[in-house]
Protein backbone atom coordinates (compact mmCIF):
# COMPACT_ATOMS: atom_id res chain seq x y z
CA UNK A 1 12.21 -13.10 -2.53
CA UNK A 2 13.80 -15.86 -0.48
CA UNK A 3 11.96 -18.66 1.31
CA UNK A 4 12.63 -19.00 5.05
CA UNK A 5 13.65 -22.67 4.62
CA UNK A 6 16.06 -24.77 2.57
CA UNK A 7 14.01 -27.36 0.72
CA UNK A 8 13.37 -28.21 -2.91
CA UNK A 9 9.86 -29.63 -2.32
CA UNK A 10 6.86 -28.87 -0.13
CA UNK A 11 7.12 -32.28 1.58
CA UNK A 12 7.55 -31.88 5.33
CA UNK A 13 6.86 -28.15 5.37
CA UNK A 14 3.93 -27.24 7.59
CA UNK A 15 2.52 -24.25 9.36
CA UNK A 16 2.12 -20.68 8.17
CA UNK A 17 4.72 -19.35 5.76
CA UNK A 18 5.29 -15.64 5.40
CA UNK A 19 5.71 -14.82 1.72
CA UNK A 20 7.40 -11.48 2.33
CA UNK A 21 10.41 -12.93 4.11
CA UNK A 22 13.59 -11.17 3.07
CA UNK A 23 11.86 -8.57 0.89
CA UNK A 24 11.99 -4.81 1.05
CA UNK A 25 8.50 -4.41 2.43
CA UNK A 26 9.49 -1.25 4.31
CA UNK A 27 10.03 0.46 0.96
CA UNK A 28 6.63 -0.72 -0.29
CA UNK A 29 4.98 0.47 2.93
CA UNK A 30 6.46 3.95 2.53
CA UNK A 31 5.44 4.02 -1.14
CA UNK A 32 1.85 3.07 -0.31
CA UNK A 33 1.66 5.60 2.53
CA UNK A 34 2.91 8.33 0.18
CA UNK A 35 0.28 7.36 -2.39
CA UNK A 36 -2.44 7.53 0.28
CA UNK A 37 -1.30 11.00 1.33
CA UNK A 38 -1.24 12.16 -2.31
CA UNK A 39 -4.77 10.78 -2.82
CA UNK A 40 -6.02 12.57 0.30
CA UNK A 41 -4.44 15.88 -0.74
CA UNK A 42 -5.79 15.72 -4.31
CA UNK A 43 -9.22 14.63 -3.07
CA UNK A 44 -9.32 17.46 -0.56
CA UNK A 45 -8.30 20.00 -3.22
CA UNK A 46 -10.96 18.72 -5.61
CA UNK A 47 -13.69 18.79 -2.96
CA UNK A 48 -12.65 22.29 -1.87
CA UNK A 49 -12.78 23.48 -5.49
CA UNK A 50 -16.17 21.82 -6.07
CA UNK A 51 -17.59 23.30 -2.86
CA UNK A 52 -16.43 26.80 -3.77
CA UNK A 53 -17.87 26.43 -7.29
CA UNK A 54 -21.34 25.59 -5.97
CA UNK A 55 -21.17 28.29 -3.32
CA UNK A 56 -20.58 30.99 -5.95
CA UNK A 57 -23.59 29.93 -8.02
CA UNK A 58 -26.00 30.32 -5.09
């Protein structure tokens, strides 16, 4: 990860600094979105299975 400035010390650097500058955050975003979709699908399947299991017992 590269810093958006050429300096060896923090002297004279002010204002907000974005830590993700120059990284592959698009890849991380896609990875996290895929994990969210997987969690939703597995959660939905589990809830559907649990609902059907209680419905049969009644």
